[in-house]
Amino acid sequence: VGLTPQNVRTISWLPSTCAYRLVAEGHDLYWWHRLVSGNAETVHEAGISMRGRVKASETDLAEPEDYFDYMLDDEP
């Protein structure tokens, strides 16, 4: 999926913390974002990343549609 300033406002599955969405909507990035903190680890330290939460890999699934079984209904 190619993200543009126009379509990030309409892609419903982008999380509310998505930097592209925040910028497109005129909001500031969160303190833990790498571009603000200068440190790629702050997103993990803040507990915002998906590190350790991914339950499926494309190599583990027979069909791409199987991803839906592992998707979250709500943001963490």
Protein backbone atom coordinates (compact mmCIF):
# COMPACT_ATOMS: atom_id res chain seq x y z
CA VAL A 1 0.00 0.00 0.00
CA GLY A 2 1.39 3.36 -0.97
CA LEU A 3 0.72 6.02 1.63
CA THR A 4 0.07 9.59 0.51
CA PRO A 5 -1.03 12.70 2.41
CA GLN A 6 -4.44 12.23 0.81
CA ASN A 7 -5.08 8.54 1.49
CA VAL A 8 -3.76 8.25 5.06
CA ARG A 9 -6.87 10.07 6.23
CA THR A 10 -9.11 7.43 4.68
CA ILE A 11 -7.28 4.17 5.45
CA SER A 12 -9.25 2.93 8.44
CA TRP A 13 -6.77 0.26 9.55
CA LEU A 14 -3.92 2.70 10.23
CA PRO A 15 -3.57 3.11 13.99
CA SER A 16 -4.29 6.47 15.58
CA THR A 17 -0.60 6.66 16.51
CA CYS A 18 0.54 6.33 12.87
CA ALA A 19 3.01 9.15 12.16
CA TYR A 20 1.75 9.56 8.59
CA ARG A 21 -1.81 9.96 9.82
CA LEU A 22 -0.83 12.34 12.62
CA VAL A 23 1.12 14.62 10.27
CA ALA A 24 -1.65 14.56 7.64
CA GLU A 25 -4.16 15.60 10.31
CA GLY A 26 -1.91 18.40 11.59
CA HIS A 27 -0.96 16.74 14.89
CA ASP A 28 2.44 16.46 16.54
CA LEU A 29 4.25 13.15 16.75
CA TYR A 30 4.31 11.42 20.12
CA TRP A 31 7.33 11.81 22.42
CA TRP A 32 8.33 8.20 21.80
CA HIS A 33 8.53 8.55 18.01
CA ARG A 34 12.06 8.12 16.72
CA LEU A 35 11.97 11.47 14.90
CA VAL A 36 11.15 13.23 18.18
CA SER A 37 13.23 11.23 20.66
CA GLY A 38 16.18 10.57 18.37
CA ASN A 39 16.21 6.99 19.62
CA ALA A 40 14.63 4.00 17.87
CA GLU A 41 14.22 2.20 21.21
CA THR A 42 11.79 4.68 22.80
CA VAL A 43 8.85 3.16 20.92
CA HIS A 44 9.67 -0.18 22.58
CA GLU A 45 10.35 1.39 25.98
CA ALA A 46 6.95 3.10 25.82
CA GLY A 47 5.25 -0.24 25.10
CA ILE A 48 3.82 1.02 21.81
CA SER A 49 5.61 -1.27 19.37
CA MET A 50 4.41 -4.65 18.16
CA ARG A 51 7.68 -6.29 19.24
CA GLY A 52 6.83 -9.66 20.76
CA ARG A 53 3.15 -9.37 19.79
CA VAL A 54 3.26 -10.65 16.22
CA LYS A 55 1.65 -14.08 16.20
CA ALA A 56 1.93 -14.99 12.52
CA SER A 57 4.40 -14.66 9.69
CA GLU A 58 3.70 -14.89 5.99
CA THR A 59 5.89 -18.00 5.96
CA ASP A 60 3.58 -19.65 8.52
CA LEU A 61 0.33 -19.15 6.63
CA ALA A 62 -1.02 -21.17 3.73
CA GLU A 63 -3.16 -18.32 2.37
CA PRO A 64 -2.80 -14.54 2.77
CA GLU A 65 -6.40 -14.36 4.00
CA ASP A 66 -5.36 -16.38 7.05
CA TYR A 67 -3.89 -13.15 8.46
CA PHE A 68 -7.39 -12.05 9.41
CA ASP A 69 -7.42 -14.74 12.10
CA TYR A 70 -4.51 -12.96 13.79
CA MET A 71 -5.54 -9.32 13.40
CA LEU A 72 -6.58 -7.21 16.36
CA ASP A 73 -10.10 -5.84 16.48
CA ASP A 74 -8.97 -2.84 18.53
CA GLU A 75 -5.71 -1.00 19.02
CA PRO A 76 -3.69 -2.18 22.02
